[in-house]
């Protein structure tokens, strides 16, 4: 289980627990799962996709931003 927080300069877009997250990294799309190694990456225009614990799939289109993963916590600052 991951704790995901997605914020933009204007507001908090999402905060909650998810099973996985797929993000549009600068060098290509990548997936973040539980116990992922710590990482900081820039994000390009694309779609963030994640699956909630009950299987609900969610997608958010972004123009760019950054992601940080540390100890099963995923923090993103994005422009939408």
PDB file of N, CA and C in Angstrom:
ATOM      1  N   UNK A   1       0.843  -1.181   0.000  1.00  0.00           N
ATOM      2  CA  UNK A   1       0.000   0.000   0.000  1.00  0.00           C
ATOM      3  C   UNK A   1       0.892   1.249   0.000  1.00  0.00           C
ATOM      4  N   UNK A   2       0.514   2.215  -0.809  1.00  0.00           N
ATOM      5  CA  UNK A   2       1.248   3.472  -0.916  1.00  0.00           C
ATOM      6  C   UNK A   2       0.371   4.622  -0.434  1.00  0.00           C
ATOM      7  N   UNK A   3       0.993   5.629   0.168  1.00  0.00           N
ATOM      8  CA  UNK A   3       0.302   6.875   0.477  1.00  0.00           C
ATOM      9  C   UNK A   3       0.633   7.840  -0.653  1.00  0.00           C
ATOM     10  N   UNK A   4      -0.391   8.319  -1.345  1.00  0.00           N
ATOM     11  CA  UNK A   4      -0.199   9.198  -2.496  1.00  0.00           C
ATOM     12  C   UNK A   4      -0.746  10.589  -2.183  1.00  0.00           C
ATOM     13  N   UNK A   5       0.056  11.604  -2.503  1.00  0.00           N
ATOM     14  CA  UNK A   5      -0.390  12.997  -2.375  1.00  0.00           C
ATOM     15  C   UNK A   5      -0.021  13.718  -3.659  1.00  0.00           C
ATOM     16  N   UNK A   6      -1.021  14.261  -4.332  1.00  0.00           N
ATOM     17  CA  UNK A   6      -0.808  15.013  -5.565  1.00  0.00           C
ATOM     18  C   UNK A   6      -1.297  16.438  -5.308  1.00  0.00           C
ATOM     19  N   UNK A   7      -0.390  17.396  -5.473  1.00  0.00           N
ATOM     20  CA  UNK A   7      -0.763  18.795  -5.275  1.00  0.00           C
ATOM     21  C   UNK A   7      -0.388  19.611  -6.512  1.00  0.00           C
ATOM     22  N   UNK A   8      -1.099  20.707  -6.678  1.00  0.00           N
ATOM     23  CA  UNK A   8      -0.749  21.695  -7.703  1.00  0.00           C
ATOM     24  C   UNK A   8      -0.557  23.010  -6.962  1.00  0.00           C
ATOM     25  N   UNK A   9      -0.038  24.033  -7.623  1.00  0.00           N
ATOM     26  CA  UNK A   9       0.112  25.323  -6.939  1.00  0.00           C
ATOM     27  C   UNK A   9      -1.220  25.872  -6.414  1.00  0.00           C
ATOM     28  N   UNK A  10      -2.328  25.474  -7.027  1.00  0.00           N
ATOM     29  CA  UNK A  10      -3.638  26.004  -6.643  1.00  0.00           C
ATOM     30  C   UNK A  10      -4.331  25.219  -5.537  1.00  0.00           C
ATOM     31  N   UNK A  11      -4.135  23.873  -5.498  1.00  0.00           N
ATOM     32  CA  UNK A  11      -4.934  23.072  -4.571  1.00  0.00           C
ATOM     33  C   UNK A  11      -4.360  21.665  -4.403  1.00  0.00           C
ATOM     34  N   UNK A  12      -4.907  20.950  -3.423  1.00  0.00           N
ATOM     35  CA  UNK A  12      -4.597  19.527  -3.274  1.00  0.00           C
ATOM     36  C   UNK A  12      -5.513  18.781  -4.235  1.00  0.00           C
ATOM     37  N   UNK A  13      -4.931  17.986  -5.126  1.00  0.00           N
ATOM     38  CA  UNK A  13      -5.706  17.270  -6.134  1.00  0.00           C
ATOM     39  C   UNK A  13      -6.174  15.922  -5.601  1.00  0.00           C
ATOM     40  N   UNK A  14      -5.284  15.211  -4.900  1.00  0.00           N
ATOM     41  CA  UNK A  14      -5.639  13.901  -4.354  1.00  0.00           C
ATOM     42  C   UNK A  14      -4.742  13.583  -3.175  1.00  0.00           C
ATOM     43  N   UNK A  15      -5.306  12.967  -2.164  1.00  0.00           N
ATOM     44  CA  UNK A  15      -4.525  12.412  -1.078  1.00  0.00           C
ATOM     45  C   UNK A  15      -5.236  11.159  -0.596  1.00  0.00           C
ATOM     46  N   UNK A  16      -4.485  10.069  -0.452  1.00  0.00           N
ATOM     47  CA  UNK A  16      -5.091   8.816  -0.016  1.00  0.00           C
ATOM     48  C   UNK A  16      -4.178   7.633  -0.284  1.00  0.00           C
ATOM     49  N   UNK A  17      -4.695   6.437   0.008  1.00  0.00           N
ATOM     50  CA  UNK A  17      -3.927   5.214  -0.194  1.00  0.00           C
ATOM     51  C   UNK A  17      -4.267   4.601  -1.546  1.00  0.00           C
ATOM     52  N   UNK A  18      -3.220   4.081  -2.197  1.00  0.00           N
ATOM     53  CA  UNK A  18      -3.378   3.450  -3.507  1.00  0.00           C
ATOM     54  C   UNK A  18      -2.519   2.186  -3.558  1.00  0.00           C
ATOM     55  N   UNK A  19      -2.839   1.317  -4.522  1.00  0.00           N
ATOM     56  CA  UNK A  19      -2.054   0.089  -4.705  1.00  0.00           C
ATOM     57  C   UNK A  19      -0.824   0.316  -5.578  1.00  0.00           C
ATOM     58  N   UNK A  20      -0.972   1.147  -6.611  1.00  0.00           N
ATOM     59  CA  UNK A  20       0.151   1.461  -7.496  1.00  0.00           C
ATOM     60  C   UNK A  20      -0.095   2.797  -8.185  1.00  0.00           C
ATOM     61  N   UNK A  21       0.982   3.348  -8.766  1.00  0.00           N
ATOM     62  CA  UNK A  21       0.902   4.628  -9.482  1.00  0.00           C
ATOM     63  C   UNK A  21       1.758   4.502 -10.738  1.00  0.00           C
ATOM     64  N   UNK A  22       1.238   4.961 -11.870  1.00  0.00           N
ATOM     65  CA  UNK A  22       2.007   5.026 -13.110  1.00  0.00           C
ATOM     66  C   UNK A  22       2.124   6.502 -13.475  1.00  0.00           C
ATOM     67  N   UNK A  23       3.362   6.964 -13.710  1.00  0.00           N
ATOM     68  CA  UNK A  23       3.605   8.384 -13.981  1.00  0.00           C
ATOM     69  C   UNK A  23       4.373   8.573 -15.291  1.00  0.00           C
ATOM     70  N   UNK A  24       4.182   9.737 -15.949  1.00  0.00           N
ATOM     71  CA  UNK A  24       4.897  10.038 -17.193  1.00  0.00           C
ATOM     72  C   UNK A  24       6.250  10.700 -16.910  1.00  0.00           C
ATOM     73  N   UNK A  25       7.262   9.909 -16.601  1.00  0.00           N
ATOM     74  CA  UNK A  25       8.591  10.437 -16.316  1.00  0.00           C
ATOM     75  C   UNK A  25       9.244  11.036 -17.544  1.00  0.00           C
ATOM     76  N   UNK A  26      10.225  11.871 -17.338  1.00  0.00           N
ATOM     77  CA  UNK A  26      10.929  12.528 -18.434  1.00  0.00           C
ATOM     78  C   UNK A  26      11.586  11.518 -19.375  1.00  0.00           C
ATOM     79  N   UNK A  27      12.074  10.409 -18.814  1.00  0.00           N
ATOM     80  CA  UNK A  27      12.721   9.374 -19.639  1.00  0.00           C
ATOM     81  C   UNK A  27      11.766   8.243 -19.998  1.00  0.00           C
ATOM     82  N   UNK A  28      10.492   8.436 -19.747  1.00  0.00           N
ATOM     83  CA  UNK A  28       9.494   7.425 -20.072  1.00  0.00           C
ATOM     84  C   UNK A  28       8.593   7.120 -18.890  1.00  0.00           C
ATOM     85  N   UNK A  29       7.486   6.496 -19.193  1.00  0.00           N
ATOM     86  CA  UNK A  29       6.503   6.149 -18.170  1.00  0.00           C
ATOM     87  C   UNK A  29       7.068   5.076 -17.243  1.00  0.00           C
ATOM     88  N   UNK A  30       6.794   5.192 -15.930  1.00  0.00           N
ATOM     89  CA  UNK A  30       7.208   4.140 -15.007  1.00  0.00           C
ATOM     90  C   UNK A  30       6.177   3.948 -13.912  1.00  0.00           C
ATOM     91  N   UNK A  31       6.206   2.755 -13.323  1.00  0.00           N
ATOM     92  CA  UNK A  31       5.241   2.366 -12.303  1.00  0.00           C
ATOM     93  C   UNK A  31       5.893   2.370 -10.931  1.00  0.00           C
ATOM     94  N   UNK A  32       5.149   2.817  -9.936  1.00  0.00           N
ATOM     95  CA  UNK A  32       5.611   2.833  -8.548  1.00  0.00           C
ATOM     96  C   UNK A  32       4.744   1.855  -7.766  1.00  0.00           C
ATOM     97  N   UNK A  33       5.388   0.887  -7.126  1.00  0.00           N
ATOM     98  CA  UNK A  33       4.702  -0.114  -6.316  1.00  0.00           C
ATOM     99  C   UNK A  33       5.171   0.004  -4.871  1.00  0.00           C
ATOM    100  N   UNK A  34       4.555  -0.741  -3.978  1.00  0.00           N
ATOM    101  CA  UNK A  34       4.987  -0.758  -2.576  1.00  0.00           C
ATOM    102  C   UNK A  34       6.455  -1.124  -2.480  1.00  0.00           C
ATOM    103  N   UNK A  35       7.154  -0.520  -1.537  1.00  0.00           N
ATOM    104  CA  UNK A  35       8.578  -0.751  -1.276  1.00  0.00           C
ATOM    105  C   UNK A  35       9.478  -0.347  -2.436  1.00  0.00           C
ATOM    106  N   UNK A  36       9.025   0.612  -3.244  1.00  0.00           N
ATOM    107  CA  UNK A  36       9.836   1.134  -4.347  1.00  0.00           C
ATOM    108  C   UNK A  36      11.065   1.837  -3.771  1.00  0.00           C
ATOM    109  N   UNK A  37      12.162   1.764  -4.473  1.00  0.00           N
ATOM    110  CA  UNK A  37      13.382   2.458  -4.049  1.00  0.00           C
ATOM    111  C   UNK A  37      13.131   3.969  -4.039  1.00  0.00           C
ATOM    112  N   UNK A  38      13.789   4.700  -3.129  1.00  0.00           N
ATOM    113  CA  UNK A  38      13.633   6.155  -3.120  1.00  0.00           C
ATOM    114  C   UNK A  38      14.043   6.759  -4.473  1.00  0.00           C
ATOM    115  N   UNK A  39      13.266   7.719  -4.933  1.00  0.00           N
ATOM    116  CA  UNK A  39      13.541   8.330  -6.235  1.00  0.00           C
ATOM    117  C   UNK A  39      12.933   9.734  -6.266  1.00  0.00           C
ATOM    118  N   UNK A  40      13.573  10.603  -7.025  1.00  0.00           N
ATOM    119  CA  UNK A  40      13.006  11.909  -7.373  1.00  0.00           C
ATOM    120  C   UNK A  40      13.108  12.002  -8.889  1.00  0.00           C
ATOM    121  N   UNK A  41      12.013  12.366  -9.542  1.00  0.00           N
ATOM    122  CA  UNK A  41      12.011  12.433 -11.000  1.00  0.00           C
ATOM    123  C   UNK A  41      11.151  13.594 -11.470  1.00  0.00           C
ATOM    124  N   UNK A  42      11.533  14.176 -12.592  1.00  0.00           N
ATOM    125  CA  UNK A  42      10.675  15.179 -13.224  1.00  0.00           C
ATOM    126  C   UNK A  42       9.621  14.444 -14.048  1.00  0.00           C
ATOM    127  N   UNK A  43       8.489  15.100 -14.244  1.00  0.00           N
ATOM    128  CA  UNK A  43       7.384  14.519 -15.001  1.00  0.00           C
ATOM    129  C   UNK A  43       7.092  15.383 -16.217  1.00  0.00           C
ATOM    130  N   UNK A  44       6.707  14.726 -17.302  1.00  0.00           N
ATOM    131  CA  UNK A  44       6.346  15.431 -18.525  1.00  0.00           C
ATOM    132  C   UNK A  44       4.840  15.427 -18.699  1.00  0.00           C
ATOM    133  N   UNK A  45       4.373  16.117 -19.720  1.00  0.00           N
ATOM    134  CA  UNK A  45       2.951  16.118 -20.043  1.00  0.00           C
ATOM    135  C   UNK A  45       2.501  14.686 -20.276  1.00  0.00           C
ATOM    136  N   UNK A  46       1.402  14.318 -19.645  1.00  0.00           N
ATOM    137  CA  UNK A  46       0.888  12.963 -19.779  1.00  0.00           C
ATOM    138  C   UNK A  46      -0.191  12.701 -18.753  1.00  0.00           C
ATOM    139  N   UNK A  47      -0.345  11.423 -18.395  1.00  0.00           N
ATOM    140  CA  UNK A  47      -1.404  11.013 -17.489  1.00  0.00           C
ATOM    141  C   UNK A  47      -0.842  10.243 -16.304  1.00  0.00           C
ATOM    142  N   UNK A  48      -1.249  10.647 -15.103  1.00  0.00           N
ATOM    143  CA  UNK A  48      -0.963   9.876 -13.894  1.00  0.00           C
ATOM    144  C   UNK A  48      -2.118   8.899 -13.737  1.00  0.00           C
ATOM    145  N   UNK A  49      -1.807   7.619 -13.570  1.00  0.00           N
ATOM    146  CA  UNK A  49      -2.846   6.609 -13.366  1.00  0.00           C
ATOM    147  C   UNK A  49      -2.559   5.872 -12.064  1.00  0.00           C
ATOM    148  N   UNK A  50      -3.602   5.630 -11.281  1.00  0.00           N
ATOM    149  CA  UNK A  50      -3.419   4.867 -10.052  1.00  0.00           C
ATOM    150  C   UNK A  50      -4.655   4.030  -9.759  1.00  0.00           C
ATOM    151  N   UNK A  51      -4.436   2.969  -8.980  1.00  0.00           N
ATOM    152  CA  UNK A  51      -5.506   2.052  -8.609  1.00  0.00           C
ATOM    153  C   UNK A  51      -5.709   2.125  -7.105  1.00  0.00           C
ATOM    154  N   UNK A  52      -6.955   2.363  -6.713  1.00  0.00           N
ATOM    155  CA  UNK A  52      -7.320   2.441  -5.301  1.00  0.00           C
ATOM    156  C   UNK A  52      -7.391   1.021  -4.712  1.00  0.00           C
ATOM    157  N   UNK A  53      -7.377   0.904  -3.372  1.00  0.00           N
ATOM    158  CA  UNK A  53      -7.405  -0.416  -2.734  1.00  0.00           C
ATOM    159  C   UNK A  53      -8.581  -1.307  -3.150  1.00  0.00           C
ATOM    160  N   UNK A  54      -9.725  -0.727  -3.497  1.00  0.00           N
ATOM    161  CA  UNK A  54     -10.884  -1.543  -3.899  1.00  0.00           C
ATOM    162  C   UNK A  54     -10.932  -1.777  -5.405  1.00  0.00           C
ATOM    163  N   UNK A  55      -9.850  -1.430  -6.121  1.00  0.00           N
ATOM    164  CA  UNK A  55      -9.774  -1.692  -7.552  1.00  0.00           C
ATOM    165  C   UNK A  55     -10.229  -0.555  -8.448  1.00  0.00           C
ATOM    166  N   UNK A  56     -10.674   0.553  -7.868  1.00  0.00           N
ATOM    167  CA  UNK A  56     -11.115   1.694  -8.670  1.00  0.00           C
ATOM    168  C   UNK A  56      -9.916   2.351  -9.344  1.00  0.00           C
ATOM    169  N   UNK A  57     -10.010   2.533 -10.669  1.00  0.00           N
ATOM    170  CA  UNK A  57      -8.920   3.145 -11.428  1.00  0.00           C
ATOM    171  C   UNK A  57      -9.195   4.629 -11.623  1.00  0.00           C
ATOM    172  N   UNK A  58      -8.144   5.451 -11.465  1.00  0.00           N
ATOM    173  CA  UNK A  58      -8.261   6.890 -11.613  1.00  0.00           C
ATOM    174  C   UNK A  58      -7.144   7.399 -12.510  1.00  0.00           C
ATOM    175  N   UNK A  59      -7.441   8.420 -13.323  1.00  0.00           N
ATOM    176  CA  UNK A  59      -6.441   9.027 -14.201  1.00  0.00           C
ATOM    177  C   UNK A  59      -6.537  10.545 -14.103  1.00  0.00           C
ATOM    178  N   UNK A  60      -5.366  11.194 -14.071  1.00  0.00           N
ATOM    179  CA  UNK A  60      -5.300  12.650 -13.998  1.00  0.00           C
ATOM    180  C   UNK A  60      -4.299  13.127 -15.048  1.00  0.00           C
ATOM    181  N   UNK A  61      -4.752  13.987 -15.957  1.00  0.00           N
ATOM    182  CA  UNK A  61      -3.863  14.552 -16.975  1.00  0.00           C
ATOM    183  C   UNK A  61      -3.068  15.707 -16.375  1.00  0.00           C
ATOM    184  N   UNK A  62      -1.758  15.728 -16.664  1.00  0.00           N
ATOM    185  CA  UNK A  62      -0.896  16.800 -16.156  1.00  0.00           C
ATOM    186  C   UNK A  62      -0.084  17.411 -17.295  1.00  0.00           C
ATOM    187  N   UNK A  63       0.443  18.613 -17.050  1.00  0.00           N
ATOM    188  CA  UNK A  63       1.307  19.289 -18.018  1.00  0.00           C
ATOM    189  C   UNK A  63       2.784  19.096 -17.669  1.00  0.00           C
ATOM    190  N   UNK A  64       3.064  18.645 -16.445  1.00  0.00           N
ATOM    191  CA  UNK A  64       4.433  18.425 -15.987  1.00  0.00           C
ATOM    192  C   UNK A  64       4.483  18.512 -14.483  1.00  0.00           C
ATOM    193  N   UNK A  65       5.682  18.281 -13.931  1.00  0.00           N
ATOM    194  CA  UNK A  65       5.842  18.379 -12.488  1.00  0.00           C
ATOM    195  C   UNK A  65       6.992  17.530 -11.985  1.00  0.00           C
ATOM    196  N   UNK A  66       6.908  17.144 -10.711  1.00  0.00           N
ATOM    197  CA  UNK A  66       7.934  16.338 -10.059  1.00  0.00           C
ATOM    198  C   UNK A  66       7.281  15.292  -9.173  1.00  0.00           C
ATOM    199  N   UNK A  67       7.978  14.164  -9.000  1.00  0.00           N
ATOM    200  CA  UNK A  67       7.520  13.107  -8.093  1.00  0.00           C
ATOM    201  C   UNK A  67       8.671  12.725  -7.172  1.00  0.00           C
ATOM    202  N   UNK A  68       8.342  12.452  -5.911  1.00  0.00           N
ATOM    203  CA  UNK A  68       9.313  11.940  -4.951  1.00  0.00           C
ATOM    204  C   UNK A  68       8.701  10.716  -4.291  1.00  0.00           C
ATOM    205  N   UNK A  69       9.509   9.636  -4.211  1.00  0.00           N
ATOM    206  CA  UNK A  69       9.076   8.409  -3.557  1.00  0.00           C
ATOM    207  C   UNK A  69      10.036   8.128  -2.419  1.00  0.00           C
ATOM    208  N   UNK A  70       9.464   7.893  -1.228  1.00  0.00           N
ATOM    209  CA  UNK A  70      10.290   7.586  -0.071  1.00  0.00           C
ATOM    210  C   UNK A  70       9.440   6.854   0.964  1.00  0.00           C
ATOM    211  N   UNK A  71       9.871   5.662   1.350  1.00  0.00           N
ATOM    212  CA  UNK A  71       9.208   4.866   2.407  1.00  0.00           C
ATOM    213  C   UNK A  71       7.714   4.708   2.169  1.00  0.00           C
ATOM    214  N   UNK A  72       7.336   4.254   0.966  1.00  0.00           N
ATOM    215  CA  UNK A  72       5.941   4.019   0.586  1.00  0.00           C
ATOM    216  C   UNK A  72       5.074   5.275   0.598  1.00  0.00           C
ATOM    217  N   UNK A  73       5.705   6.444   0.511  1.00  0.00           N
ATOM    218  CA  UNK A  73       4.988   7.700   0.361  1.00  0.00           C
ATOM    219  C   UNK A  73       5.374   8.331  -0.969  1.00  0.00           C
ATOM    220  N   UNK A  74       4.368   8.618  -1.777  1.00  0.00           N
ATOM    221  CA  UNK A  74       4.576   9.210  -3.105  1.00  0.00           C
ATOM    222  C   UNK A  74       4.008  10.623  -3.072  1.00  0.00           C
ATOM    223  N   UNK A  75       4.880  11.611  -3.282  1.00  0.00           N
ATOM    224  CA  UNK A  75       4.465  13.011  -3.292  1.00  0.00           C
ATOM    225  C   UNK A  75       4.706  13.588  -4.669  1.00  0.00           C
ATOM    226  N   UNK A  76       3.683  14.253  -5.211  1.00  0.00           N
ATOM    227  CA  UNK A  76       3.815  14.883  -6.527  1.00  0.00           C
ATOM    228  C   UNK A  76       3.370  16.331  -6.462  1.00  0.00           C
ATOM    229  N   UNK A  77       4.136  17.168  -7.121  1.00  0.00           N
ATOM    230  CA  UNK A  77       3.751  18.552  -7.351  1.00  0.00           C
ATOM    231  C   UNK A  77       3.615  18.680  -8.863  1.00  0.00           C
ATOM    232  N   UNK A  78       2.402  18.953  -9.328  1.00  0.00           N
ATOM    233  CA  UNK A  78       2.146  18.929 -10.765  1.00  0.00           C
ATOM    234  C   UNK A  78       1.431  20.194 -11.226  1.00  0.00           C
ATOM    235  N   UNK A  79       1.526  20.431 -12.517  1.00  0.00           N
ATOM    236  CA  UNK A  79       0.778  21.511 -13.169  1.00  0.00           C
ATOM    237  C   UNK A  79      -0.297  20.851 -14.005  1.00  0.00           C
ATOM    238  N   UNK A  80      -1.539  21.325 -13.825  1.00  0.00           N
ATOM    239  CA  UNK A  80      -2.630  20.716 -14.595  1.00  0.00           C
ATOM    240  C   UNK A  80      -3.322  21.749 -15.464  1.00  0.00           C
TER     241      UNK A  80
END
